[in-house]
């Protein structure tokens, strides 16, 4: 059973910072690219940032220079450091991972966490 568990969301004032964490687990499974998506009310879910096992990163233009994604492969964990937050960053943030059976790496499926709310407001 694969699980992705997020933590670290909350309420923060504009200009503030938050750090999201996602711990992935699953006996017999491995995790390839991992990332963060977000969904604001009335909007589609969008990619925020992603990172490969080798550390290559990709960011949405709206968060470049403010957010930093990182991962710890030994812990199957991915993090999102969010700085200079604005009300436009308010959304539910979801952890995502490309998951494969360790013994069958060519077949991959996306898994999602349950989401964590980030609210930026004064």
PDB file of N, CA and C in Angstrom:
ATOM      1  N   UNK A   1       0.850  -1.185   0.000  1.00  0.00           N
ATOM      2  CA  UNK A   1       0.000   0.000   0.000  1.00  0.00           C
ATOM      3  C   UNK A   1       0.889   1.239   0.000  1.00  0.00           C
ATOM      4  N   UNK A   2       0.683   2.094  -0.987  1.00  0.00           N
ATOM      5  CA  UNK A   2       1.459   3.323  -1.093  1.00  0.00           C
ATOM      6  C   UNK A   2       0.724   4.434  -0.362  1.00  0.00           C
ATOM      7  N   UNK A   3       1.472   5.197   0.401  1.00  0.00           N
ATOM      8  CA  UNK A   3       0.896   6.352   1.092  1.00  0.00           C
ATOM      9  C   UNK A   3       1.795   7.559   0.925  1.00  0.00           C
ATOM     10  N   UNK A   4       1.183   8.711   0.697  1.00  0.00           N
ATOM     11  CA  UNK A   4       1.878   9.991   0.693  1.00  0.00           C
ATOM     12  C   UNK A   4       1.186  10.850   1.746  1.00  0.00           C
ATOM     13  N   UNK A   5       1.939  11.290   2.728  1.00  0.00           N
ATOM     14  CA  UNK A   5       1.363  12.048   3.835  1.00  0.00           C
ATOM     15  C   UNK A   5       2.022  13.413   3.904  1.00  0.00           C
ATOM     16  N   UNK A   6       1.209  14.448   3.714  1.00  0.00           N
ATOM     17  CA  UNK A   6       1.713  15.821   3.747  1.00  0.00           C
ATOM     18  C   UNK A   6       1.569  16.409   5.134  1.00  0.00           C
ATOM     19  N   UNK A   7       2.406  17.400   5.416  1.00  0.00           N
ATOM     20  CA  UNK A   7       2.296  18.166   6.647  1.00  0.00           C
ATOM     21  C   UNK A   7       2.909  19.537   6.422  1.00  0.00           C
ATOM     22  N   UNK A   8       2.590  20.465   7.319  1.00  0.00           N
ATOM     23  CA  UNK A   8       3.231  21.769   7.276  1.00  0.00           C
ATOM     24  C   UNK A   8       2.377  22.915   6.784  1.00  0.00           C
ATOM     25  N   UNK A   9       1.153  22.651   6.373  1.00  0.00           N
ATOM     26  CA  UNK A   9       0.300  23.742   5.936  1.00  0.00           C
ATOM     27  C   UNK A   9      -0.179  24.576   7.098  1.00  0.00           C
ATOM     28  N   UNK A  10      -0.900  25.657   6.789  1.00  0.00           N
ATOM     29  CA  UNK A  10      -1.424  26.495   7.847  1.00  0.00           C
ATOM     30  C   UNK A  10      -1.733  27.887   7.358  1.00  0.00           C
ATOM     31  N   UNK A  11      -1.932  28.770   8.311  1.00  0.00           N
ATOM     32  CA  UNK A  11      -2.238  30.176   8.040  1.00  0.00           C
ATOM     33  C   UNK A  11      -0.983  31.013   8.238  1.00  0.00           C
ATOM     34  N   UNK A  12      -0.680  31.854   7.271  1.00  0.00           N
ATOM     35  CA  UNK A  12       0.505  32.706   7.354  1.00  0.00           C
ATOM     36  C   UNK A  12       0.169  34.069   6.767  1.00  0.00           C
ATOM     37  N   UNK A  13       0.829  35.089   7.262  1.00  0.00           N
ATOM     38  CA  UNK A  13       0.611  36.439   6.755  1.00  0.00           C
ATOM     39  C   UNK A  13       1.349  36.642   5.443  1.00  0.00           C
ATOM     40  N   UNK A  14       0.880  37.565   4.630  1.00  0.00           N
ATOM     41  CA  UNK A  14       1.612  37.883   3.389  1.00  0.00           C
ATOM     42  C   UNK A  14       3.067  38.241   3.696  1.00  0.00           C
ATOM     43  N   UNK A  15       3.958  37.720   2.869  1.00  0.00           N
ATOM     44  CA  UNK A  15       5.382  37.910   3.086  1.00  0.00           C
ATOM     45  C   UNK A  15       6.019  36.848   3.950  1.00  0.00           C
ATOM     46  N   UNK A  16       5.212  36.014   4.547  1.00  0.00           N
ATOM     47  CA  UNK A  16       5.721  34.982   5.429  1.00  0.00           C
ATOM     48  C   UNK A  16       6.189  33.746   4.699  1.00  0.00           C
ATOM     49  N   UNK A  17       6.583  32.741   5.481  1.00  0.00           N
ATOM     50  CA  UNK A  17       7.129  31.507   4.925  1.00  0.00           C
ATOM     51  C   UNK A  17       6.464  30.293   5.555  1.00  0.00           C
ATOM     52  N   UNK A  18       6.436  29.216   4.790  1.00  0.00           N
ATOM     53  CA  UNK A  18       5.987  27.915   5.273  1.00  0.00           C
ATOM     54  C   UNK A  18       6.838  26.842   4.616  1.00  0.00           C
ATOM     55  N   UNK A  19       6.950  25.708   5.285  1.00  0.00           N
ATOM     56  CA  UNK A  19       7.670  24.572   4.712  1.00  0.00           C
ATOM     57  C   UNK A  19       6.742  23.362   4.737  1.00  0.00           C
ATOM     58  N   UNK A  20       6.461  22.843   3.566  1.00  0.00           N
ATOM     59  CA  UNK A  20       5.642  21.645   3.453  1.00  0.00           C
ATOM     60  C   UNK A  20       6.539  20.414   3.363  1.00  0.00           C
ATOM     61  N   UNK A  21       6.061  19.339   3.962  1.00  0.00           N
ATOM     62  CA  UNK A  21       6.772  18.065   3.896  1.00  0.00           C
ATOM     63  C   UNK A  21       5.830  16.984   3.402  1.00  0.00           C
ATOM     64  N   UNK A  22       6.398  16.003   2.704  1.00  0.00           N
ATOM     65  CA  UNK A  22       5.616  14.866   2.237  1.00  0.00           C
ATOM     66  C   UNK A  22       6.462  13.615   2.433  1.00  0.00           C
ATOM     67  N   UNK A  23       5.921  12.677   3.182  1.00  0.00           N
ATOM     68  CA  UNK A  23       6.599  11.406   3.417  1.00  0.00           C
ATOM     69  C   UNK A  23       5.887  10.317   2.630  1.00  0.00           C
ATOM     70  N   UNK A  24       6.639   9.651   1.762  1.00  0.00           N
ATOM     71  CA  UNK A  24       6.080   8.579   0.942  1.00  0.00           C
ATOM     72  C   UNK A  24       6.505   7.225   1.514  1.00  0.00           C
ATOM     73  N   UNK A  25       5.597   6.268   1.464  1.00  0.00           N
ATOM     74  CA  UNK A  25       5.920   4.937   1.968  1.00  0.00           C
ATOM     75  C   UNK A  25       5.196   3.879   1.155  1.00  0.00           C
ATOM     76  N   UNK A  26       5.737   2.678   1.189  1.00  0.00           N
ATOM     77  CA  UNK A  26       5.127   1.566   0.467  1.00  0.00           C
ATOM     78  C   UNK A  26       6.133   0.459   0.294  1.00  0.00           C
ATOM     79  N   UNK A  27       5.931  -0.631   0.991  1.00  0.00           N
ATOM     80  CA  UNK A  27       6.864  -1.752   0.916  1.00  0.00           C
ATOM     81  C   UNK A  27       6.877  -2.338  -0.491  1.00  0.00           C
ATOM     82  N   UNK A  28       8.079  -2.449  -1.077  1.00  0.00           N
ATOM     83  CA  UNK A  28       8.205  -3.005  -2.411  1.00  0.00           C
ATOM     84  C   UNK A  28       8.036  -1.997  -3.529  1.00  0.00           C
ATOM     85  N   UNK A  29       7.829  -0.752  -3.161  1.00  0.00           N
ATOM     86  CA  UNK A  29       7.650   0.309  -4.145  1.00  0.00           C
ATOM     87  C   UNK A  29       8.819   1.288  -4.092  1.00  0.00           C
ATOM     88  N   UNK A  30       9.045   1.962  -5.210  1.00  0.00           N
ATOM     89  CA  UNK A  30      10.039   3.021  -5.287  1.00  0.00           C
ATOM     90  C   UNK A  30       9.387   4.259  -5.893  1.00  0.00           C
ATOM     91  N   UNK A  31      10.048   5.385  -5.670  1.00  0.00           N
ATOM     92  CA  UNK A  31       9.458   6.671  -6.037  1.00  0.00           C
ATOM     93  C   UNK A  31      10.378   7.404  -6.991  1.00  0.00           C
ATOM     94  N   UNK A  32       9.875   7.691  -8.157  1.00  0.00           N
ATOM     95  CA  UNK A  32      10.662   8.404  -9.155  1.00  0.00           C
ATOM     96  C   UNK A  32      10.476   9.906  -8.936  1.00  0.00           C
ATOM     97  N   UNK A  33      10.038  10.623  -9.959  1.00  0.00           N
ATOM     98  CA  UNK A  33       9.825  12.061  -9.794  1.00  0.00           C
ATOM     99  C   UNK A  33       8.768  12.319  -8.732  1.00  0.00           C
ATOM    100  N   UNK A  34       8.991  13.356  -7.950  1.00  0.00           N
ATOM    101  CA  UNK A  34       8.023  13.771  -6.931  1.00  0.00           C
ATOM    102  C   UNK A  34       7.773  15.260  -7.100  1.00  0.00           C
ATOM    103  N   UNK A  35       6.641  15.713  -6.622  1.00  0.00           N
ATOM    104  CA  UNK A  35       6.345  17.126  -6.817  1.00  0.00           C
ATOM    105  C   UNK A  35       5.200  17.616  -5.953  1.00  0.00           C
ATOM    106  N   UNK A  36       4.930  18.874  -6.128  1.00  0.00           N
ATOM    107  CA  UNK A  36       3.833  19.533  -5.427  1.00  0.00           C
ATOM    108  C   UNK A  36       2.918  20.193  -6.443  1.00  0.00           C
ATOM    109  N   UNK A  37       1.626  20.010  -6.235  1.00  0.00           N
ATOM    110  CA  UNK A  37       0.595  20.673  -7.008  1.00  0.00           C
ATOM    111  C   UNK A  37      -0.267  21.471  -6.036  1.00  0.00           C
ATOM    112  N   UNK A  38      -1.031  22.395  -6.578  1.00  0.00           N
ATOM    113  CA  UNK A  38      -1.967  23.125  -5.731  1.00  0.00           C
ATOM    114  C   UNK A  38      -3.267  23.379  -6.486  1.00  0.00           C
ATOM    115  N   UNK A  39      -4.326  23.532  -5.697  1.00  0.00           N
ATOM    116  CA  UNK A  39      -5.623  23.817  -6.272  1.00  0.00           C
ATOM    117  C   UNK A  39      -6.326  24.858  -5.426  1.00  0.00           C
ATOM    118  N   UNK A  40      -6.557  26.006  -6.034  1.00  0.00           N
ATOM    119  CA  UNK A  40      -7.291  27.082  -5.368  1.00  0.00           C
ATOM    120  C   UNK A  40      -8.776  26.928  -5.666  1.00  0.00           C
ATOM    121  N   UNK A  41      -9.634  27.499  -4.840  1.00  0.00           N
ATOM    122  CA  UNK A  41     -11.080  27.382  -5.065  1.00  0.00           C
ATOM    123  C   UNK A  41     -11.468  27.875  -6.450  1.00  0.00           C
ATOM    124  N   UNK A  42     -12.221  27.074  -7.171  1.00  0.00           N
ATOM    125  CA  UNK A  42     -12.695  27.455  -8.485  1.00  0.00           C
ATOM    126  C   UNK A  42     -11.665  27.351  -9.590  1.00  0.00           C
ATOM    127  N   UNK A  43     -10.491  26.825  -9.271  1.00  0.00           N
ATOM    128  CA  UNK A  43      -9.425  26.717 -10.272  1.00  0.00           C
ATOM    129  C   UNK A  43      -8.987  25.273 -10.431  1.00  0.00           C
ATOM    130  N   UNK A  44      -8.312  25.008 -11.554  1.00  0.00           N
ATOM    131  CA  UNK A  44      -7.797  23.673 -11.786  1.00  0.00           C
ATOM    132  C   UNK A  44      -6.523  23.440 -10.992  1.00  0.00           C
ATOM    133  N   UNK A  45      -6.269  22.175 -10.708  1.00  0.00           N
ATOM    134  CA  UNK A  45      -5.025  21.826 -10.036  1.00  0.00           C
ATOM    135  C   UNK A  45      -3.855  22.142 -10.969  1.00  0.00           C
ATOM    136  N   UNK A  46      -2.805  22.737 -10.402  1.00  0.00           N
ATOM    137  CA  UNK A  46      -1.658  23.132 -11.211  1.00  0.00           C
ATOM    138  C   UNK A  46      -0.357  22.678 -10.570  1.00  0.00           C
ATOM    139  N   UNK A  47       0.629  22.423 -11.417  1.00  0.00           N
ATOM    140  CA  UNK A  47       1.952  22.056 -10.932  1.00  0.00           C
ATOM    141  C   UNK A  47       2.612  23.266 -10.292  1.00  0.00           C
ATOM    142  N   UNK A  48       3.162  23.066  -9.117  1.00  0.00           N
ATOM    143  CA  UNK A  48       3.949  24.101  -8.442  1.00  0.00           C
ATOM    144  C   UNK A  48       5.436  23.854  -8.689  1.00  0.00           C
ATOM    145  N   UNK A  49       5.881  22.638  -8.390  1.00  0.00           N
ATOM    146  CA  UNK A  49       7.290  22.303  -8.560  1.00  0.00           C
ATOM    147  C   UNK A  49       7.437  20.790  -8.573  1.00  0.00           C
ATOM    148  N   UNK A  50       8.471  20.324  -9.268  1.00  0.00           N
ATOM    149  CA  UNK A  50       8.763  18.896  -9.288  1.00  0.00           C
ATOM    150  C   UNK A  50      10.264  18.682  -9.208  1.00  0.00           C
ATOM    151  N   UNK A  51      10.650  17.457  -8.818  1.00  0.00           N
ATOM    152  CA  UNK A  51      12.064  17.139  -8.665  1.00  0.00           C
ATOM    153  C   UNK A  51      12.265  15.665  -8.987  1.00  0.00           C
ATOM    154  N   UNK A  52      13.331  15.383  -9.731  1.00  0.00           N
ATOM    155  CA  UNK A  52      13.657  13.998 -10.063  1.00  0.00           C
ATOM    156  C   UNK A  52      14.515  13.387  -8.965  1.00  0.00           C
ATOM    157  N   UNK A  53      14.757  12.086  -9.066  1.00  0.00           N
ATOM    158  CA  UNK A  53      15.613  11.442  -8.084  1.00  0.00           C
ATOM    159  C   UNK A  53      17.033  11.998  -8.158  1.00  0.00           C
ATOM    160  N   UNK A  54      17.422  12.496  -9.308  1.00  0.00           N
ATOM    161  CA  UNK A  54      18.741  13.067  -9.461  1.00  0.00           C
ATOM    162  C   UNK A  54      18.847  14.518  -9.025  1.00  0.00           C
ATOM    163  N   UNK A  55      17.712  15.115  -8.669  1.00  0.00           N
ATOM    164  CA  UNK A  55      17.727  16.474  -8.154  1.00  0.00           C
ATOM    165  C   UNK A  55      17.389  17.553  -9.168  1.00  0.00           C
ATOM    166  N   UNK A  56      17.039  17.179 -10.393  1.00  0.00           N
ATOM    167  CA  UNK A  56      16.628  18.186 -11.370  1.00  0.00           C
ATOM    168  C   UNK A  56      15.253  18.719 -10.995  1.00  0.00           C
ATOM    169  N   UNK A  57      15.119  20.042 -11.062  1.00  0.00           N
ATOM    170  CA  UNK A  57      13.885  20.671 -10.599  1.00  0.00           C
ATOM    171  C   UNK A  57      13.176  21.435 -11.718  1.00  0.00           C
ATOM    172  N   UNK A  58      11.893  21.626 -11.517  1.00  0.00           N
ATOM    173  CA  UNK A  58      11.060  22.382 -12.435  1.00  0.00           C
ATOM    174  C   UNK A  58      10.067  23.179 -11.601  1.00  0.00           C
ATOM    175  N   UNK A  59       9.866  24.451 -11.948  1.00  0.00           N
ATOM    176  CA  UNK A  59       8.986  25.312 -11.176  1.00  0.00           C
ATOM    177  C   UNK A  59       7.969  26.012 -12.075  1.00  0.00           C
ATOM    178  N   UNK A  60       6.806  26.254 -11.531  1.00  0.00           N
ATOM    179  CA  UNK A  60       5.856  27.128 -12.197  1.00  0.00           C
ATOM    180  C   UNK A  60       6.428  28.540 -12.187  1.00  0.00           C
ATOM    181  N   UNK A  61       6.157  29.296 -13.242  1.00  0.00           N
ATOM    182  CA  UNK A  61       6.692  30.659 -13.324  1.00  0.00           C
ATOM    183  C   UNK A  61       6.259  31.509 -12.128  1.00  0.00           C
ATOM    184  N   UNK A  62       5.083  31.262 -11.624  1.00  0.00           N
ATOM    185  CA  UNK A  62       4.535  32.094 -10.551  1.00  0.00           C
ATOM    186  C   UNK A  62       5.261  31.919  -9.216  1.00  0.00           C
ATOM    187  N   UNK A  63       6.052  30.856  -9.090  1.00  0.00           N
ATOM    188  CA  UNK A  63       6.725  30.617  -7.808  1.00  0.00           C
ATOM    189  C   UNK A  63       8.248  30.657  -7.927  1.00  0.00           C
ATOM    190  N   UNK A  64       8.762  30.827  -9.126  1.00  0.00           N
ATOM    191  CA  UNK A  64      10.221  30.862  -9.308  1.00  0.00           C
ATOM    192  C   UNK A  64      10.831  31.981  -8.480  1.00  0.00           C
ATOM    193  N   UNK A  65      11.898  31.649  -7.784  1.00  0.00           N
ATOM    194  CA  UNK A  65      12.578  32.630  -6.954  1.00  0.00           C
ATOM    195  C   UNK A  65      12.003  32.756  -5.554  1.00  0.00           C
ATOM    196  N   UNK A  66      10.839  32.156  -5.315  1.00  0.00           N
ATOM    197  CA  UNK A  66      10.218  32.217  -3.989  1.00  0.00           C
ATOM    198  C   UNK A  66      10.112  30.845  -3.327  1.00  0.00           C
ATOM    199  N   UNK A  67       9.877  29.819  -4.135  1.00  0.00           N
ATOM    200  CA  UNK A  67       9.715  28.465  -3.604  1.00  0.00           C
ATOM    201  C   UNK A  67      10.931  27.616  -3.971  1.00  0.00           C
ATOM    202  N   UNK A  68      11.263  26.691  -3.099  1.00  0.00           N
ATOM    203  CA  UNK A  68      12.351  25.750  -3.365  1.00  0.00           C
ATOM    204  C   UNK A  68      11.893  24.342  -3.019  1.00  0.00           C
ATOM    205  N   UNK A  69      12.027  23.447  -3.985  1.00  0.00           N
ATOM    206  CA  UNK A  69      11.690  22.048  -3.755  1.00  0.00           C
ATOM    207  C   UNK A  69      12.970  21.266  -3.510  1.00  0.00           C
ATOM    208  N   UNK A  70      12.897  20.299  -2.605  1.00  0.00           N
ATOM    209  CA  UNK A  70      14.037  19.436  -2.317  1.00  0.00           C
ATOM    210  C   UNK A  70      13.511  18.061  -1.926  1.00  0.00           C
ATOM    211  N   UNK A  71      14.408  17.089  -1.912  1.00  0.00           N
ATOM    212  CA  UNK A  71      13.984  15.742  -1.527  1.00  0.00           C
ATOM    213  C   UNK A  71      15.105  15.020  -0.811  1.00  0.00           C
ATOM    214  N   UNK A  72      14.701  14.035  -0.045  1.00  0.00           N
ATOM    215  CA  UNK A  72      15.639  13.155   0.637  1.00  0.00           C
ATOM    216  C   UNK A  72      15.312  11.750   0.150  1.00  0.00           C
ATOM    217  N   UNK A  73      16.103  11.244  -0.773  1.00  0.00           N
ATOM    218  CA  UNK A  73      15.806   9.946  -1.378  1.00  0.00           C
ATOM    219  C   UNK A  73      15.843   8.810  -0.347  1.00  0.00           C
ATOM    220  N   UNK A  74      16.710   8.936   0.638  1.00  0.00           N
ATOM    221  CA  UNK A  74      16.819   7.887   1.653  1.00  0.00           C
ATOM    222  C   UNK A  74      15.538   7.782   2.483  1.00  0.00           C
ATOM    223  N   UNK A  75      14.854   8.909   2.627  1.00  0.00           N
ATOM    224  CA  UNK A  75      13.620   8.934   3.430  1.00  0.00           C
ATOM    225  C   UNK A  75      12.368   8.916   2.564  1.00  0.00           C
ATOM    226  N   UNK A  76      12.538   8.900   1.245  1.00  0.00           N
ATOM    227  CA  UNK A  76      11.388   9.010   0.344  1.00  0.00           C
ATOM    228  C   UNK A  76      10.528  10.217   0.705  1.00  0.00           C
ATOM    229  N   UNK A  77      11.185  11.331   0.907  1.00  0.00           N
ATOM    230  CA  UNK A  77      10.500  12.545   1.332  1.00  0.00           C
ATOM    231  C   UNK A  77      10.781  13.678   0.355  1.00  0.00           C
ATOM    232  N   UNK A  78       9.805  14.554   0.216  1.00  0.00           N
ATOM    233  CA  UNK A  78       9.958  15.745  -0.609  1.00  0.00           C
ATOM    234  C   UNK A  78       9.468  16.940   0.197  1.00  0.00           C
ATOM    235  N   UNK A  79      10.114  18.069  -0.010  1.00  0.00           N
ATOM    236  CA  UNK A  79       9.823  19.261   0.766  1.00  0.00           C
ATOM    237  C   UNK A  79       9.574  20.444  -0.163  1.00  0.00           C
ATOM    238  N   UNK A  80       8.829  21.415   0.329  1.00  0.00           N
ATOM    239  CA  UNK A  80       8.608  22.642  -0.425  1.00  0.00           C
ATOM    240  C   UNK A  80       8.770  23.820   0.540  1.00  0.00           C
ATOM    241  N   UNK A  81       9.850  24.556   0.378  1.00  0.00           N
ATOM    242  CA  UNK A  81      10.064  25.767   1.154  1.00  0.00           C
ATOM    243  C   UNK A  81       9.427  26.920   0.404  1.00  0.00           C
ATOM    244  N   UNK A  82       8.490  27.586   1.046  1.00  0.00           N
ATOM    245  CA  UNK A  82       7.740  28.663   0.408  1.00  0.00           C
ATOM    246  C   UNK A  82       8.025  29.970   1.134  1.00  0.00           C
ATOM    247  N   UNK A  83       8.611  30.907   0.427  1.00  0.00           N
ATOM    248  CA  UNK A  83       8.941  32.216   0.987  1.00  0.00           C
ATOM    249  C   UNK A  83       8.175  33.309   0.261  1.00  0.00           C
ATOM    250  N   UNK A  84       8.121  34.476   0.865  1.00  0.00           N
ATOM    251  CA  UNK A  84       7.456  35.632   0.262  1.00  0.00           C
ATOM    252  C   UNK A  84       6.059  35.278  -0.224  1.00  0.00           C
ATOM    253  N   UNK A  85       5.314  34.627   0.639  1.00  0.00           N
ATOM    254  CA  UNK A  85       3.980  34.165   0.258  1.00  0.00           C
ATOM    255  C   UNK A  85       3.025  35.333   0.047  1.00  0.00           C
ATOM    256  N   UNK A  86       2.131  35.161  -0.905  1.00  0.00           N
ATOM    257  CA  UNK A  86       1.103  36.158  -1.211  1.00  0.00           C
ATOM    258  C   UNK A  86      -0.268  35.484  -1.118  1.00  0.00           C
ATOM    259  N   UNK A  87      -1.325  36.279  -1.030  1.00  0.00           N
ATOM    260  CA  UNK A  87      -2.673  35.670  -0.985  1.00  0.00           C
ATOM    261  C   UNK A  87      -2.957  34.780  -2.196  1.00  0.00           C
ATOM    262  N   UNK A  88      -2.300  35.055  -3.314  1.00  0.00           N
ATOM    263  CA  UNK A  88      -2.504  34.236  -4.518  1.00  0.00           C
ATOM    264  C   UNK A  88      -1.945  32.829  -4.352  1.00  0.00           C
ATOM    265  N   UNK A  89      -1.149  32.604  -3.343  1.00  0.00           N
ATOM    266  CA  UNK A  89      -0.617  31.265  -3.077  1.00  0.00           C
ATOM    267  C   UNK A  89      -1.588  30.422  -2.242  1.00  0.00           C
ATOM    268  N   UNK A  90      -2.672  31.016  -1.800  1.00  0.00           N
ATOM    269  CA  UNK A  90      -3.657  30.284  -1.015  1.00  0.00           C
ATOM    270  C   UNK A  90      -4.274  29.160  -1.841  1.00  0.00           C
ATOM    271  N   UNK A  91      -4.190  27.948  -1.326  1.00  0.00           N
ATOM    272  CA  UNK A  91      -4.684  26.774  -2.048  1.00  0.00           C
ATOM    273  C   UNK A  91      -4.501  25.542  -1.173  1.00  0.00           C
ATOM    274  N   UNK A  92      -5.073  24.433  -1.628  1.00  0.00           N
ATOM    275  CA  UNK A  92      -4.728  23.138  -1.065  1.00  0.00           C
ATOM    276  C   UNK A  92      -3.534  22.613  -1.852  1.00  0.00           C
ATOM    277  N   UNK A  93      -2.501  22.243  -1.150  1.00  0.00           N
ATOM    278  CA  UNK A  93      -1.278  21.752  -1.772  1.00  0.00           C
ATOM    279  C   UNK A  93      -1.229  20.234  -1.662  1.00  0.00           C
ATOM    280  N   UNK A  94      -0.968  19.601  -2.796  1.00  0.00           N
ATOM    281  CA  UNK A  94      -0.947  18.145  -2.878  1.00  0.00           C
ATOM    282  C   UNK A  94       0.439  17.643  -3.251  1.00  0.00           C
ATOM    283  N   UNK A  95       0.875  16.630  -2.564  1.00  0.00           N
ATOM    284  CA  UNK A  95       2.107  15.928  -2.907  1.00  0.00           C
ATOM    285  C   UNK A  95       1.788  14.881  -3.979  1.00  0.00           C
ATOM    286  N   UNK A  96       2.700  14.727  -4.915  1.00  0.00           N
ATOM    287  CA  UNK A  96       2.522  13.778  -6.007  1.00  0.00           C
ATOM    288  C   UNK A  96       3.809  12.996  -6.215  1.00  0.00           C
ATOM    289  N   UNK A  97       3.666  11.724  -6.562  1.00  0.00           N
ATOM    290  CA  UNK A  97       4.848  10.922  -6.845  1.00  0.00           C
ATOM    291  C   UNK A  97       4.555   9.927  -7.953  1.00  0.00           C
ATOM    292  N   UNK A  98       5.535   9.728  -8.811  1.00  0.00           N
ATOM    293  CA  UNK A  98       5.483   8.638  -9.778  1.00  0.00           C
ATOM    294  C   UNK A  98       6.010   7.395  -9.083  1.00  0.00           C
ATOM    295  N   UNK A  99       5.165   6.396  -8.954  1.00  0.00           N
ATOM    296  CA  UNK A  99       5.475   5.228  -8.138  1.00  0.00           C
ATOM    297  C   UNK A  99       5.587   3.990  -9.016  1.00  0.00           C
ATOM    298  N   UNK A 100       6.558   3.152  -8.704  1.00  0.00           N
ATOM    299  CA  UNK A 100       6.676   1.900  -9.433  1.00  0.00           C
ATOM    300  C   UNK A 100       7.072   0.786  -8.501  1.00  0.00           C
ATOM    301  N   UNK A 101       6.682  -0.416  -8.886  1.00  0.00           N
ATOM    302  CA  UNK A 101       7.132  -1.586  -8.145  1.00  0.00           C
ATOM    303  C   UNK A 101       8.630  -1.705  -8.377  1.00  0.00           C
ATOM    304  N   UNK A 102       9.355  -1.827  -7.302  1.00  0.00           N
ATOM    305  CA  UNK A 102      10.813  -1.814  -7.389  1.00  0.00           C
ATOM    306  C   UNK A 102      11.349  -2.846  -8.376  1.00  0.00           C
ATOM    307  N   UNK A 103      10.695  -3.985  -8.466  1.00  0.00           N
ATOM    308  CA  UNK A 103      11.151  -5.050  -9.357  1.00  0.00           C
ATOM    309  C   UNK A 103      10.635  -4.878 -10.778  1.00  0.00           C
ATOM    310  N   UNK A 104       9.814  -3.849 -11.009  1.00  0.00           N
ATOM    311  CA  UNK A 104       9.265  -3.607 -12.350  1.00  0.00           C
ATOM    312  C   UNK A 104       9.273  -2.116 -12.632  1.00  0.00           C
ATOM    313  N   UNK A 105      10.437  -1.534 -12.803  1.00  0.00           N
ATOM    314  CA  UNK A 105      10.555  -0.070 -12.877  1.00  0.00           C
ATOM    315  C   UNK A 105       9.945   0.580 -14.108  1.00  0.00           C
ATOM    316  N   UNK A 106       9.593  -0.185 -15.140  1.00  0.00           N
ATOM    317  CA  UNK A 106       9.076   0.444 -16.358  1.00  0.00           C
ATOM    318  C   UNK A 106       7.604   0.820 -16.253  1.00  0.00           C
ATOM    319  N   UNK A 107       6.898   0.320 -15.259  1.00  0.00           N
ATOM    320  CA  UNK A 107       5.465   0.605 -15.111  1.00  0.00           C
ATOM    321  C   UNK A 107       5.288   1.533 -13.926  1.00  0.00           C
ATOM    322  N   UNK A 108       4.816   2.741 -14.221  1.00  0.00           N
ATOM    323  CA  UNK A 108       4.708   3.755 -13.185  1.00  0.00           C
ATOM    324  C   UNK A 108       3.290   4.300 -13.119  1.00  0.00           C
ATOM    325  N   UNK A 109       2.882   4.653 -11.919  1.00  0.00           N
ATOM    326  CA  UNK A 109       1.564   5.222 -11.692  1.00  0.00           C
ATOM    327  C   UNK A 109       1.691   6.422 -10.768  1.00  0.00           C
ATOM    328  N   UNK A 110       0.879   7.452 -10.995  1.00  0.00           N
ATOM    329  CA  UNK A 110       0.913   8.610 -10.101  1.00  0.00           C
ATOM    330  C   UNK A 110       0.093   8.361  -8.842  1.00  0.00           C
ATOM    331  N   UNK A 111       0.627   8.800  -7.729  1.00  0.00           N
ATOM    332  CA  UNK A 111      -0.091   8.762  -6.461  1.00  0.00           C
ATOM    333  C   UNK A 111      -0.156  10.170  -5.882  1.00  0.00           C
ATOM    334  N   UNK A 112      -1.212  10.396  -5.098  1.00  0.00           N
ATOM    335  CA  UNK A 112      -1.436  11.715  -4.514  1.00  0.00           C
ATOM    336  C   UNK A 112      -1.598  11.615  -3.010  1.00  0.00           C
ATOM    337  N   UNK A 113      -1.144  12.663  -2.330  1.00  0.00           N
ATOM    338  CA  UNK A 113      -1.446  12.793  -0.921  1.00  0.00           C
ATOM    339  C   UNK A 113      -2.838  13.359  -0.722  1.00  0.00           C
ATOM    340  N   UNK A 114      -3.226  13.516   0.536  1.00  0.00           N
ATOM    341  CA  UNK A 114      -4.574  13.967   0.846  1.00  0.00           C
ATOM    342  C   UNK A 114      -4.722  15.480   0.748  1.00  0.00           C
ATOM    343  N   UNK A 115      -3.613  16.187   0.679  1.00  0.00           N
ATOM    344  CA  UNK A 115      -3.633  17.636   0.563  1.00  0.00           C
ATOM    345  C   UNK A 115      -3.491  18.327   1.905  1.00  0.00           C
ATOM    346  N   UNK A 116      -2.881  19.495   1.867  1.00  0.00           N
ATOM    347  CA  UNK A 116      -2.738  20.317   3.064  1.00  0.00           C
ATOM    348  C   UNK A 116      -3.065  21.766   2.690  1.00  0.00           C
ATOM    349  N   UNK A 117      -3.855  22.400   3.525  1.00  0.00           N
ATOM    350  CA  UNK A 117      -4.320  23.752   3.227  1.00  0.00           C
ATOM    351  C   UNK A 117      -3.251  24.784   3.575  1.00  0.00           C
ATOM    352  N   UNK A 118      -3.008  25.679   2.636  1.00  0.00           N
ATOM    353  CA  UNK A 118      -2.147  26.840   2.869  1.00  0.00           C
ATOM    354  C   UNK A 118      -2.999  28.087   2.648  1.00  0.00           C
ATOM    355  N   UNK A 119      -3.086  28.914   3.669  1.00  0.00           N
ATOM    356  CA  UNK A 119      -3.857  30.148   3.579  1.00  0.00           C
ATOM    357  C   UNK A 119      -2.947  31.322   3.891  1.00  0.00           C
ATOM    358  N   UNK A 120      -2.890  32.265   2.952  1.00  0.00           N
ATOM    359  CA  UNK A 120      -2.066  33.455   3.131  1.00  0.00           C
ATOM    360  C   UNK A 120      -3.013  34.649   3.273  1.00  0.00           C
ATOM    361  N   UNK A 121      -3.035  35.195   4.477  1.00  0.00           N
ATOM    362  CA  UNK A 121      -3.995  36.266   4.760  1.00  0.00           C
ATOM    363  C   UNK A 121      -3.529  37.072   5.960  1.00  0.00           C
ATOM    364  N   UNK A 122      -3.853  38.346   5.929  1.00  0.00           N
ATOM    365  CA  UNK A 122      -3.540  39.204   7.068  1.00  0.00           C
ATOM    366  C   UNK A 122      -4.722  39.274   8.024  1.00  0.00           C
TER     367      UNK A 122
END
